[in-house]
Amino acid sequence: MKFNGRTEEQRLVAGILTQAFSDMFLVRDNYNASADIDAVQAIRFLTARSGSLAEWRDQLCSYLDLDGDVLAARVRAILDGKAEPPSADKSGRGSHAFQKRVHQARDRWKKLAP
């Protein structure tokens, strides 16, 4: 069955990728002590250049007719500060809280990046 032009499987895959992108920006607090672990796993999944994580990401992206390597390059650009993540704020800057999350994700990336 299709919904908005996508099959149920495609909607599931889109949800998985969206959740990984969201998890990348998790902030650790009293309510979410595992945020660092979850965020690092999401960053590794979304940015891997090779290996099983890259293969899984690429496979999932292929179900949506996306190039997983292009997605990974875009995420790396966001984490490197060369691009800004999509923002719900019409100004394009995002809220202060979101900017804090972006900053924390970039700090995590600096510790992980080769």
PDB file of N, CA and C in Angstrom:
ATOM      1  N   MET A   1       0.834  -1.171   0.000  1.00  0.00           N
ATOM      2  CA  MET A   1       0.000   0.000   0.000  1.00  0.00           C
ATOM      3  C   MET A   1       0.888   1.247   0.000  1.00  0.00           C
ATOM      4  N   LYS A   2       0.496   2.245  -0.770  1.00  0.00           N
ATOM      5  CA  LYS A   2       1.272   3.476  -0.856  1.00  0.00           C
ATOM      6  C   LYS A   2       0.585   4.602  -0.103  1.00  0.00           C
ATOM      7  N   PHE A   3       1.404   5.456   0.485  1.00  0.00           N
ATOM      8  CA  PHE A   3       0.926   6.628   1.198  1.00  0.00           C
ATOM      9  C   PHE A   3       1.838   7.777   0.806  1.00  0.00           C
ATOM     10  N   ASN A   4       1.262   8.829   0.269  1.00  0.00           N
ATOM     11  CA  ASN A   4       2.058   9.960  -0.222  1.00  0.00           C
ATOM     12  C   ASN A   4       3.125   9.500  -1.207  1.00  0.00           C
ATOM     13  N   GLY A   5       2.783   8.518  -2.029  1.00  0.00           N
ATOM     14  CA  GLY A   5       3.709   8.047  -3.047  1.00  0.00           C
ATOM     15  C   GLY A   5       4.791   7.111  -2.548  1.00  0.00           C
ATOM     16  N   ARG A   6       4.762   6.763  -1.278  1.00  0.00           N
ATOM     17  CA  ARG A   6       5.776   5.864  -0.722  1.00  0.00           C
ATOM     18  C   ARG A   6       5.125   4.605  -0.193  1.00  0.00           C
ATOM     19  N   THR A   7       5.846   3.515  -0.340  1.00  0.00           N
ATOM     20  CA  THR A   7       5.368   2.258   0.219  1.00  0.00           C
ATOM     21  C   THR A   7       5.572   2.275   1.730  1.00  0.00           C
ATOM     22  N   GLU A   8       4.975   1.321   2.398  1.00  0.00           N
ATOM     23  CA  GLU A   8       5.161   1.213   3.848  1.00  0.00           C
ATOM     24  C   GLU A   8       6.629   0.984   4.187  1.00  0.00           C
ATOM     25  N   GLU A   9       7.310   0.199   3.370  1.00  0.00           N
ATOM     26  CA  GLU A   9       8.728  -0.066   3.601  1.00  0.00           C
ATOM     27  C   GLU A   9       9.553   1.205   3.458  1.00  0.00           C
ATOM     28  N   GLN A  10       9.233   2.004   2.459  1.00  0.00           N
ATOM     29  CA  GLN A  10       9.959   3.258   2.260  1.00  0.00           C
ATOM     30  C   GLN A  10       9.709   4.228   3.414  1.00  0.00           C
ATOM     31  N   ARG A  11       8.491   4.248   3.912  1.00  0.00           N
ATOM     32  CA  ARG A  11       8.204   5.115   5.062  1.00  0.00           C
ATOM     33  C   ARG A  11       8.971   4.647   6.291  1.00  0.00           C
ATOM     34  N   LEU A  12       9.099   3.333   6.456  1.00  0.00           N
ATOM     35  CA  LEU A  12       9.879   2.794   7.569  1.00  0.00           C
ATOM     36  C   LEU A  12      11.342   3.218   7.450  1.00  0.00           C
ATOM     37  N   VAL A  13      11.904   3.068   6.267  1.00  0.00           N
ATOM     38  CA  VAL A  13      13.303   3.442   6.043  1.00  0.00           C
ATOM     39  C   VAL A  13      13.497   4.943   6.264  1.00  0.00           C
ATOM     40  N   ALA A  14      12.577   5.748   5.760  1.00  0.00           N
ATOM     41  CA  ALA A  14      12.668   7.198   5.974  1.00  0.00           C
ATOM     42  C   ALA A  14      12.636   7.513   7.467  1.00  0.00           C
ATOM     43  N   GLY A  15      11.822   6.782   8.210  1.00  0.00           N
ATOM     44  CA  GLY A  15      11.755   6.974   9.657  1.00  0.00           C
ATOM     45  C   GLY A  15      13.053   6.604  10.351  1.00  0.00           C
ATOM     46  N   ILE A  16      13.685   5.536   9.899  1.00  0.00           N
ATOM     47  CA  ILE A  16      14.961   5.108  10.488  1.00  0.00           C
ATOM     48  C   ILE A  16      16.030   6.174  10.259  1.00  0.00           C
ATOM     49  N   LEU A  17      16.125   6.663   9.037  1.00  0.00           N
ATOM     50  CA  LEU A  17      17.135   7.683   8.727  1.00  0.00           C
ATOM     51  C   LEU A  17      16.844   8.995   9.451  1.00  0.00           C
ATOM     52  N   THR A  18      15.578   9.350   9.532  1.00  0.00           N
ATOM     53  CA  THR A  18      15.194  10.567  10.244  1.00  0.00           C
ATOM     54  C   THR A  18      15.530  10.455  11.725  1.00  0.00           C
ATOM     55  N   GLN A  19      15.274   9.290  12.306  1.00  0.00           N
ATOM     56  CA  GLN A  19      15.583   9.093  13.724  1.00  0.00           C
ATOM     57  C   GLN A  19      17.085   9.169  13.972  1.00  0.00           C
ATOM     58  N   ALA A  20      17.871   8.591  13.082  1.00  0.00           N
ATOM     59  CA  ALA A  20      19.329   8.658  13.234  1.00  0.00           C
ATOM     60  C   ALA A  20      19.795  10.110  13.172  1.00  0.00           C
ATOM     61  N   PHE A  21      19.248  10.880  12.237  1.00  0.00           N
ATOM     62  CA  PHE A  21      19.625  12.288  12.121  1.00  0.00           C
ATOM     63  C   PHE A  21      19.240  13.042  13.393  1.00  0.00           C
ATOM     64  N   SER A  22      18.062  12.769  13.905  1.00  0.00           N
ATOM     65  CA  SER A  22      17.611  13.410  15.138  1.00  0.00           C
ATOM     66  C   SER A  22      18.484  12.995  16.329  1.00  0.00           C
ATOM     67  N   ASP A  23      18.797  11.709  16.413  1.00  0.00           N
ATOM     68  CA  ASP A  23      19.618  11.206  17.521  1.00  0.00           C
ATOM     69  C   ASP A  23      21.006  11.838  17.542  1.00  0.00           C
ATOM     70  N   MET A  24      21.498  12.207  16.391  1.00  0.00           N
ATOM     71  CA  MET A  24      22.817  12.822  16.299  1.00  0.00           C
ATOM     72  C   MET A  24      22.888  14.101  17.143  1.00  0.00           C
ATOM     73  N   PHE A  25      21.750  14.739  17.345  1.00  0.00           N
ATOM     74  CA  PHE A  25      21.695  16.010  18.069  1.00  0.00           C
ATOM     75  C   PHE A  25      21.197  15.873  19.505  1.00  0.00           C
ATOM     76  N   LEU A  26      21.165  14.651  20.024  1.00  0.00           N
ATOM     77  CA  LEU A  26      20.709  14.461  21.402  1.00  0.00           C
ATOM     78  C   LEU A  26      21.628  15.177  22.384  1.00  0.00           C
ATOM     79  N   VAL A  27      21.033  15.695  23.433  1.00  0.00           N
ATOM     80  CA  VAL A  27      21.789  16.362  24.494  1.00  0.00           C
ATOM     81  C   VAL A  27      21.615  15.553  25.766  1.00  0.00           C
ATOM     82  N   ARG A  28      22.723  15.278  26.395  1.00  0.00           N
ATOM     83  CA  ARG A  28      22.673  14.524  27.651  1.00  0.00           C
ATOM     84  C   ARG A  28      22.143  15.423  28.762  1.00  0.00           C
ATOM     85  N   ASP A  29      21.214  14.876  29.521  1.00  0.00           N
ATOM     86  CA  ASP A  29      20.686  15.585  30.681  1.00  0.00           C
ATOM     87  C   ASP A  29      20.252  14.555  31.715  1.00  0.00           C
ATOM     88  N   ASN A  30      19.597  15.010  32.754  1.00  0.00           N
ATOM     89  CA  ASN A  30      19.176  14.104  33.825  1.00  0.00           C
ATOM     90  C   ASN A  30      18.186  13.049  33.351  1.00  0.00           C
ATOM     91  N   TYR A  31      17.485  13.339  32.271  1.00  0.00           N
ATOM     92  CA  TYR A  31      16.456  12.427  31.783  1.00  0.00           C
ATOM     93  C   TYR A  31      16.963  11.483  30.700  1.00  0.00           C
ATOM     94  N   ASN A  32      18.123  11.781  30.141  1.00  0.00           N
ATOM     95  CA  ASN A  32      18.618  10.988  29.021  1.00  0.00           C
ATOM     96  C   ASN A  32      20.124  10.781  29.156  1.00  0.00           C
ATOM     97  N   ALA A  33      20.507   9.960  30.104  1.00  0.00           N
ATOM     98  CA  ALA A  33      21.925   9.723  30.375  1.00  0.00           C
ATOM     99  C   ALA A  33      22.621   8.992  29.235  1.00  0.00           C
ATOM    100  N   SER A  34      21.873   8.267  28.415  1.00  0.00           N
ATOM    101  CA  SER A  34      22.488   7.516  27.316  1.00  0.00           C
ATOM    102  C   SER A  34      22.603   8.341  26.039  1.00  0.00           C
ATOM    103  N   ALA A  35      22.297   9.622  26.107  1.00  0.00           N
ATOM    104  CA  ALA A  35      22.301  10.464  24.908  1.00  0.00           C
ATOM    105  C   ALA A  35      23.651  10.460  24.206  1.00  0.00           C
ATOM    106  N   ASP A  36      24.744  10.502  24.959  1.00  0.00           N
ATOM    107  CA  ASP A  36      26.064  10.513  24.331  1.00  0.00           C
ATOM    108  C   ASP A  36      26.288   9.255  23.501  1.00  0.00           C
ATOM    109  N   ILE A  37      25.945   8.121  24.056  1.00  0.00           N
ATOM    110  CA  ILE A  37      26.119   6.848  23.349  1.00  0.00           C
ATOM    111  C   ILE A  37      25.242   6.815  22.104  1.00  0.00           C
ATOM    112  N   ASP A  38      23.985   7.187  22.259  1.00  0.00           N
ATOM    113  CA  ASP A  38      23.051   7.175  21.127  1.00  0.00           C
ATOM    114  C   ASP A  38      23.492   8.151  20.035  1.00  0.00           C
ATOM    115  N   ALA A  39      23.938   9.327  20.442  1.00  0.00           N
ATOM    116  CA  ALA A  39      24.364  10.333  19.469  1.00  0.00           C
ATOM    117  C   ALA A  39      25.606   9.870  18.709  1.00  0.00           C
ATOM    118  N   VAL A  40      26.553   9.296  19.412  1.00  0.00           N
ATOM    119  CA  VAL A  40      27.775   8.811  18.763  1.00  0.00           C
ATOM    120  C   VAL A  40      27.449   7.678  17.790  1.00  0.00           C
ATOM    121  N   GLN A  41      26.561   6.781  18.182  1.00  0.00           N
ATOM    122  CA  GLN A  41      26.163   5.701  17.271  1.00  0.00           C
ATOM    123  C   GLN A  41      25.504   6.275  16.017  1.00  0.00           C
ATOM    124  N   ALA A  42      24.661   7.272  16.189  1.00  0.00           N
ATOM    125  CA  ALA A  42      24.001   7.892  15.040  1.00  0.00           C
ATOM    126  C   ALA A  42      25.022   8.585  14.139  1.00  0.00           C
ATOM    127  N   ILE A  43      25.960   9.298  14.745  1.00  0.00           N
ATOM    128  CA  ILE A  43      26.995   9.977  13.960  1.00  0.00           C
ATOM    129  C   ILE A  43      27.811   8.957  13.169  1.00  0.00           C
ATOM    130  N   ARG A  44      28.201   7.889  13.808  1.00  0.00           N
ATOM    131  CA  ARG A  44      28.988   6.857  13.109  1.00  0.00           C
ATOM    132  C   ARG A  44      28.198   6.248  11.957  1.00  0.00           C
ATOM    133  N   PHE A  45      26.931   5.958  12.196  1.00  0.00           N
ATOM    134  CA  PHE A  45      26.077   5.376  11.159  1.00  0.00           C
ATOM    135  C   PHE A  45      25.928   6.333   9.974  1.00  0.00           C
ATOM    136  N   LEU A  46      25.684   7.594  10.257  1.00  0.00           N
ATOM    137  CA  LEU A  46      25.412   8.560   9.195  1.00  0.00           C
ATOM    138  C   LEU A  46      26.660   9.021   8.453  1.00  0.00           C
ATOM    139  N   THR A  47      27.832   8.885   9.048  1.00  0.00           N
ATOM    140  CA  THR A  47      29.049   9.434   8.434  1.00  0.00           C
ATOM    141  C   THR A  47      30.047   8.391   7.956  1.00  0.00           C
ATOM    142  N   ALA A  48      29.815   7.130   8.241  1.00  0.00           N
ATOM    143  CA  ALA A  48      30.791   6.083   7.902  1.00  0.00           C
ATOM    144  C   ALA A  48      31.138   6.112   6.415  1.00  0.00           C
ATOM    145  N   ARG A  49      32.429   6.024   6.137  1.00  0.00           N
ATOM    146  CA  ARG A  49      32.903   6.005   4.750  1.00  0.00           C
ATOM    147  C   ARG A  49      32.990   4.580   4.205  1.00  0.00           C
ATOM    148  N   SER A  50      33.126   3.617   5.102  1.00  0.00           N
ATOM    149  CA  SER A  50      33.229   2.215   4.691  1.00  0.00           C
ATOM    150  C   SER A  50      32.798   1.338   5.856  1.00  0.00           C
ATOM    151  N   GLY A  51      32.772   0.046   5.600  1.00  0.00           N
ATOM    152  CA  GLY A  51      32.412  -0.895   6.648  1.00  0.00           C
ATOM    153  C   GLY A  51      30.923  -1.167   6.708  1.00  0.00           C
ATOM    154  N   SER A  52      30.547  -1.930   7.717  1.00  0.00           N
ATOM    155  CA  SER A  52      29.157  -2.387   7.808  1.00  0.00           C
ATOM    156  C   SER A  52      28.166  -1.245   8.023  1.00  0.00           C
ATOM    157  N   LEU A  53      28.553  -0.227   8.782  1.00  0.00           N
ATOM    158  CA  LEU A  53      27.621   0.890   8.986  1.00  0.00           C
ATOM    159  C   LEU A  53      27.348   1.615   7.673  1.00  0.00           C
ATOM    160  N   ALA A  54      28.388   1.838   6.899  1.00  0.00           N
ATOM    161  CA  ALA A  54      28.211   2.489   5.594  1.00  0.00           C
ATOM    162  C   ALA A  54      27.363   1.614   4.672  1.00  0.00           C
ATOM    163  N   GLU A  55      27.600   0.322   4.713  1.00  0.00           N
ATOM    164  CA  GLU A  55      26.816  -0.586   3.871  1.00  0.00           C
ATOM    165  C   GLU A  55      25.338  -0.553   4.247  1.00  0.00           C
ATOM    166  N   TRP A  56      25.038  -0.586   5.550  1.00  0.00           N
ATOM    167  CA  TRP A  56      23.646  -0.531   5.996  1.00  0.00           C
ATOM    168  C   TRP A  56      22.997   0.792   5.602  1.00  0.00           C
ATOM    169  N   ARG A  57      23.705   1.898   5.841  1.00  0.00           N
ATOM    170  CA  ARG A  57      23.159   3.211   5.484  1.00  0.00           C
ATOM    171  C   ARG A  57      22.895   3.282   3.982  1.00  0.00           C
ATOM    172  N   ASP A  58      23.862   2.825   3.194  1.00  0.00           N
ATOM    173  CA  ASP A  58      23.702   2.867   1.742  1.00  0.00           C
ATOM    174  C   ASP A  58      22.528   2.004   1.286  1.00  0.00           C
ATOM    175  N   GLN A  59      22.373   0.846   1.909  1.00  0.00           N
ATOM    176  CA  GLN A  59      21.259  -0.039   1.563  1.00  0.00           C
ATOM    177  C   GLN A  59      19.924   0.631   1.880  1.00  0.00           C
ATOM    178  N   LEU A  60      19.828   1.211   3.060  1.00  0.00           N
ATOM    179  CA  LEU A  60      18.592   1.902   3.431  1.00  0.00           C
ATOM    180  C   LEU A  60      18.312   3.066   2.484  1.00  0.00           C
ATOM    181  N   CYS A  61      19.339   3.837   2.187  1.00  0.00           N
ATOM    182  CA  CYS A  61      19.162   4.974   1.277  1.00  0.00           C
ATOM    183  C   CYS A  61      18.700   4.517  -0.105  1.00  0.00           C
ATOM    184  N   SER A  62      19.196   3.372  -0.543  1.00  0.00           N
ATOM    185  CA  SER A  62      18.822   2.883  -1.877  1.00  0.00           C
ATOM    186  C   SER A  62      17.322   2.616  -1.975  1.00  0.00           C
ATOM    187  N   TYR A  63      16.690   2.249  -0.868  1.00  0.00           N
ATOM    188  CA  TYR A  63      15.242   2.026  -0.881  1.00  0.00           C
ATOM    189  C   TYR A  63      14.477   3.319  -1.145  1.00  0.00           C
ATOM    190  N   LEU A  64      15.138   4.441  -0.898  1.00  0.00           N
ATOM    191  CA  LEU A  64      14.511   5.747  -1.118  1.00  0.00           C
ATOM    192  C   LEU A  64      15.079   6.444  -2.353  1.00  0.00           C
ATOM    193  N   ASP A  65      15.828   5.690  -3.147  1.00  0.00           N
ATOM    194  CA  ASP A  65      16.492   6.240  -4.333  1.00  0.00           C
ATOM    195  C   ASP A  65      17.425   7.390  -3.974  1.00  0.00           C
ATOM    196  N   LEU A  66      18.097   7.242  -2.841  1.00  0.00           N
ATOM    197  CA  LEU A  66      19.092   8.214  -2.399  1.00  0.00           C
ATOM    198  C   LEU A  66      20.467   7.567  -2.444  1.00  0.00           C
ATOM    199  N   ASP A  67      21.475   8.375  -2.622  1.00  0.00           N
ATOM    200  CA  ASP A  67      22.854   7.902  -2.578  1.00  0.00           C
ATOM    201  C   ASP A  67      23.347   8.062  -1.140  1.00  0.00           C
ATOM    202  N   GLY A  68      23.619   6.955  -0.483  1.00  0.00           N
ATOM    203  CA  GLY A  68      24.052   6.987   0.910  1.00  0.00           C
ATOM    204  C   GLY A  68      25.357   7.725   1.115  1.00  0.00           C
ATOM    205  N   ASP A  69      26.240   7.673   0.120  1.00  0.00           N
ATOM    206  CA  ASP A  69      27.506   8.396   0.235  1.00  0.00           C
ATOM    207  C   ASP A  69      27.290   9.906   0.177  1.00  0.00           C
ATOM    208  N   VAL A  70      26.324  10.335  -0.610  1.00  0.00           N
ATOM    209  CA  VAL A  70      25.995  11.762  -0.673  1.00  0.00           C
ATOM    210  C   VAL A  70      25.395  12.214   0.658  1.00  0.00           C
ATOM    211  N   LEU A  71      24.516  11.389   1.218  1.00  0.00           N
ATOM    212  CA  LEU A  71      23.950  11.705   2.531  1.00  0.00           C
ATOM    213  C   LEU A  71      25.065  11.815   3.569  1.00  0.00           C
ATOM    214  N   ALA A  72      25.976  10.852   3.573  1.00  0.00           N
ATOM    215  CA  ALA A  72      27.078  10.861   4.540  1.00  0.00           C
ATOM    216  C   ALA A  72      27.946  12.105   4.366  1.00  0.00           C
ATOM    217  N   ALA A  73      28.222  12.476   3.139  1.00  0.00           N
ATOM    218  CA  ALA A  73      29.038  13.669   2.884  1.00  0.00           C
ATOM    219  C   ALA A  73      28.330  14.924   3.387  1.00  0.00           C
ATOM    220  N   ARG A  74      27.027  14.980   3.196  1.00  0.00           N
ATOM    221  CA  ARG A  74      26.251  16.137   3.669  1.00  0.00           C
ATOM    222  C   ARG A  74      26.274  16.205   5.198  1.00  0.00           C
ATOM    223  N   VAL A  75      26.105  15.070   5.850  1.00  0.00           N
ATOM    224  CA  VAL A  75      26.140  15.041   7.317  1.00  0.00           C
ATOM    225  C   VAL A  75      27.526  15.446   7.810  1.00  0.00           C
ATOM    226  N   ARG A  76      28.573  14.937   7.164  1.00  0.00           N
ATOM    227  CA  ARG A  76      29.932  15.330   7.561  1.00  0.00           C
ATOM    228  C   ARG A  76      30.135  16.835   7.386  1.00  0.00           C
ATOM    229  N   ALA A  77      29.589  17.404   6.321  1.00  0.00           N
ATOM    230  CA  ALA A  77      29.700  18.853   6.111  1.00  0.00           C
ATOM    231  C   ALA A  77      28.996  19.622   7.229  1.00  0.00           C
ATOM    232  N   ILE A  78      27.844  19.131   7.649  1.00  0.00           N
ATOM    233  CA  ILE A  78      27.133  19.768   8.764  1.00  0.00           C
ATOM    234  C   ILE A  78      27.979  19.690  10.029  1.00  0.00           C
ATOM    235  N   LEU A  79      28.522  18.521  10.300  1.00  0.00           N
ATOM    236  CA  LEU A  79      29.311  18.341  11.515  1.00  0.00           C
ATOM    237  C   LEU A  79      30.642  19.090  11.465  1.00  0.00           C
ATOM    238  N   ASP A  80      31.166  19.304  10.271  1.00  0.00           N
ATOM    239  CA  ASP A  80      32.400  20.079  10.113  1.00  0.00           C
ATOM    240  C   ASP A  80      32.145  21.583  10.143  1.00  0.00           C
ATOM    241  N   GLY A  81      30.875  21.979  10.160  1.00  0.00           N
ATOM    242  CA  GLY A  81      30.531  23.399  10.175  1.00  0.00           C
ATOM    243  C   GLY A  81      30.555  24.041   8.797  1.00  0.00           C
ATOM    244  N   LYS A  82      30.650  23.234   7.754  1.00  0.00           N
ATOM    245  CA  LYS A  82      30.676  23.749   6.381  1.00  0.00           C
ATOM    246  C   LYS A  82      29.272  23.908   5.810  1.00  0.00           C
ATOM    247  N   ALA A  83      28.293  23.348   6.494  1.00  0.00           N
ATOM    248  CA  ALA A  83      26.888  23.456   6.091  1.00  0.00           C
ATOM    249  C   ALA A  83      26.057  23.496   7.363  1.00  0.00           C
ATOM    250  N   GLU A  84      24.894  24.072   7.248  1.00  0.00           N
ATOM    251  CA  GLU A  84      23.996  24.129   8.395  1.00  0.00           C
ATOM    252  C   GLU A  84      22.914  23.064   8.243  1.00  0.00           C
ATOM    253  N   PRO A  85      22.489  22.490   9.357  1.00  0.00           N
ATOM    254  CA  PRO A  85      21.410  21.500   9.277  1.00  0.00           C
ATOM    255  C   PRO A  85      20.092  22.175   8.941  1.00  0.00           C
ATOM    256  N   PRO A  86      19.155  21.402   8.426  1.00  0.00           N
ATOM    257  CA  PRO A  86      17.827  21.971   8.179  1.00  0.00           C
ATOM    258  C   PRO A  86      17.272  22.542   9.478  1.00  0.00           C
ATOM    259  N   SER A  87      16.594  23.658   9.367  1.00  0.00           N
ATOM    260  CA  SER A  87      16.072  24.325  10.556  1.00  0.00           C
ATOM    261  C   SER A  87      14.594  24.611  10.387  1.00  0.00           C
ATOM    262  N   ALA A  88      13.858  24.440  11.464  1.00  0.00           N
ATOM    263  CA  ALA A  88      12.435  24.775  11.438  1.00  0.00           C
ATOM    264  C   ALA A  88      12.234  26.282  11.555  1.00  0.00           C
ATOM    265  N   ASP A  89      13.272  26.985  11.958  1.00  0.00           N
ATOM    266  CA  ASP A  89      13.218  28.433  12.125  1.00  0.00           C
ATOM    267  C   ASP A  89      13.305  29.098  10.752  1.00  0.00           C
ATOM    268  N   LYS A  90      12.385  29.984  10.446  1.00  0.00           N
ATOM    269  CA  LYS A  90      12.356  30.627   9.129  1.00  0.00           C
ATOM    270  C   LYS A  90      13.584  31.493   8.876  1.00  0.00           C
ATOM    271  N   SER A  91      14.261  31.921   9.926  1.00  0.00           N
ATOM    272  CA  SER A  91      15.465  32.733   9.742  1.00  0.00           C
ATOM    273  C   SER A  91      16.629  31.882   9.257  1.00  0.00           C
ATOM    274  N   GLY A  92      16.489  30.551   9.401  1.00  0.00           N
ATOM    275  CA  GLY A  92      17.560  29.657   8.993  1.00  0.00           C
ATOM    276  C   GLY A  92      18.588  29.412  10.078  1.00  0.00           C
ATOM    277  N   ARG A  93      18.465  30.115  11.197  1.00  0.00           N
ATOM    278  CA  ARG A  93      19.447  29.959  12.271  1.00  0.00           C
ATOM    279  C   ARG A  93      19.022  28.917  13.295  1.00  0.00           C
ATOM    280  N   GLY A  94      17.755  28.675  13.424  1.00  0.00           N
ATOM    281  CA  GLY A  94      17.274  27.727  14.419  1.00  0.00           C
ATOM    282  C   GLY A  94      17.211  28.358  15.794  1.00  0.00           C
ATOM    283  N   SER A  95      16.580  27.681  16.691  1.00  0.00           N
ATOM    284  CA  SER A  95      16.449  28.189  18.050  1.00  0.00           C
ATOM    285  C   SER A  95      17.776  28.064  18.786  1.00  0.00           C
ATOM    286  N   HIS A  96      17.878  28.780  19.880  1.00  0.00           N
ATOM    287  CA  HIS A  96      19.088  28.703  20.706  1.00  0.00           C
ATOM    288  C   HIS A  96      19.311  27.267  21.181  1.00  0.00           C
ATOM    289  N   ALA A  97      18.242  26.601  21.586  1.00  0.00           N
ATOM    290  CA  ALA A  97      18.361  25.218  22.065  1.00  0.00           C
ATOM    291  C   ALA A  97      18.861  24.304  20.946  1.00  0.00           C
ATOM    292  N   PHE A  98      18.354  24.506  19.733  1.00  0.00           N
ATOM    293  CA  PHE A  98      18.801  23.673  18.618  1.00  0.00           C
ATOM    294  C   PHE A  98      20.262  23.962  18.291  1.00  0.00           C
ATOM    295  N   GLN A  99      20.644  25.225  18.315  1.00  0.00           N
ATOM    296  CA  GLN A  99      22.039  25.572  18.049  1.00  0.00           C
ATOM    297  C   GLN A  99      22.968  24.929  19.083  1.00  0.00           C
ATOM    298  N   LYS A 100      22.502  24.838  20.316  1.00  0.00           N
ATOM    299  CA  LYS A 100      23.280  24.168  21.361  1.00  0.00           C
ATOM    300  C   LYS A 100      23.466  22.690  21.006  1.00  0.00           C
ATOM    301  N   ARG A 101      22.418  22.079  20.488  1.00  0.00           N
ATOM    302  CA  ARG A 101      22.495  20.669  20.088  1.00  0.00           C
ATOM    303  C   ARG A 101      23.466  20.485  18.918  1.00  0.00           C
ATOM    304  N   VAL A 102      23.409  21.406  17.971  1.00  0.00           N
ATOM    305  CA  VAL A 102      24.325  21.342  16.825  1.00  0.00           C
ATOM    306  C   VAL A 102      25.764  21.474  17.317  1.00  0.00           C
ATOM    307  N   HIS A 103      25.998  22.410  18.211  1.00  0.00           N
ATOM    308  CA  HIS A 103      27.342  22.613  18.758  1.00  0.00           C
ATOM    309  C   HIS A 103      27.834  21.344  19.459  1.00  0.00           C
ATOM    310  N   GLN A 104      26.971  20.723  20.236  1.00  0.00           N
ATOM    311  CA  GLN A 104      27.369  19.501  20.939  1.00  0.00           C
ATOM    312  C   GLN A 104      27.654  18.368  19.950  1.00  0.00           C
ATOM    313  N   ALA A 105      26.849  18.258  18.905  1.00  0.00           N
ATOM    314  CA  ALA A 105      27.097  17.226  17.888  1.00  0.00           C
ATOM    315  C   ALA A 105      28.440  17.470  17.208  1.00  0.00           C
ATOM    316  N   ARG A 106      28.742  18.725  16.932  1.00  0.00           N
ATOM    317  CA  ARG A 106      30.027  19.043  16.301  1.00  0.00           C
ATOM    318  C   ARG A 106      31.195  18.741  17.234  1.00  0.00           C
ATOM    319  N   ASP A 107      31.015  18.984  18.510  1.00  0.00           N
ATOM    320  CA  ASP A 107      32.066  18.625  19.478  1.00  0.00           C
ATOM    321  C   ASP A 107      32.280  17.115  19.513  1.00  0.00           C
ATOM    322  N   ARG A 108      31.203  16.362  19.487  1.00  0.00           N
ATOM    323  CA  ARG A 108      31.331  14.895  19.461  1.00  0.00           C
ATOM    324  C   ARG A 108      32.067  14.456  18.195  1.00  0.00           C
ATOM    325  N   TRP A 109      31.716  15.070  17.087  1.00  0.00           N
ATOM    326  CA  TRP A 109      32.317  14.725  15.805  1.00  0.00           C
ATOM    327  C   TRP A 109      33.826  14.979  15.826  1.00  0.00           C
ATOM    328  N   LYS A 110      34.231  16.089  16.407  1.00  0.00           N
ATOM    329  CA  LYS A 110      35.665  16.403  16.483  1.00  0.00           C
ATOM    330  C   LYS A 110      36.424  15.310  17.223  1.00  0.00           C
ATOM    331  N   LYS A 111      35.794  14.737  18.217  1.00  0.00           N
ATOM    332  CA  LYS A 111      36.438  13.668  18.989  1.00  0.00           C
ATOM    333  C   LYS A 111      36.477  12.352  18.208  1.00  0.00           C
ATOM    334  N   LEU A 112      35.535  12.180  17.285  1.00  0.00           N
ATOM    335  CA  LEU A 112      35.438  10.935  16.523  1.00  0.00           C
ATOM    336  C   LEU A 112      36.160  10.979  15.189  1.00  0.00           C
ATOM    337  N   ALA A 113      36.191  12.144  14.581  1.00  0.00           N
ATOM    338  CA  ALA A 113      36.702  12.258  13.209  1.00  0.00           C
ATOM    339  C   ALA A 113      38.160  11.822  13.124  1.00  0.00           C
ATOM    340  N   PRO A 114      38.480  11.124  12.037  1.00  0.00           N
ATOM    341  CA  PRO A 114      39.868  10.653  11.856  1.00  0.00           C
ATOM    342  C   PRO A 114      40.830  11.793  11.597  1.00  0.00           C
TER     343      PRO A 114
END
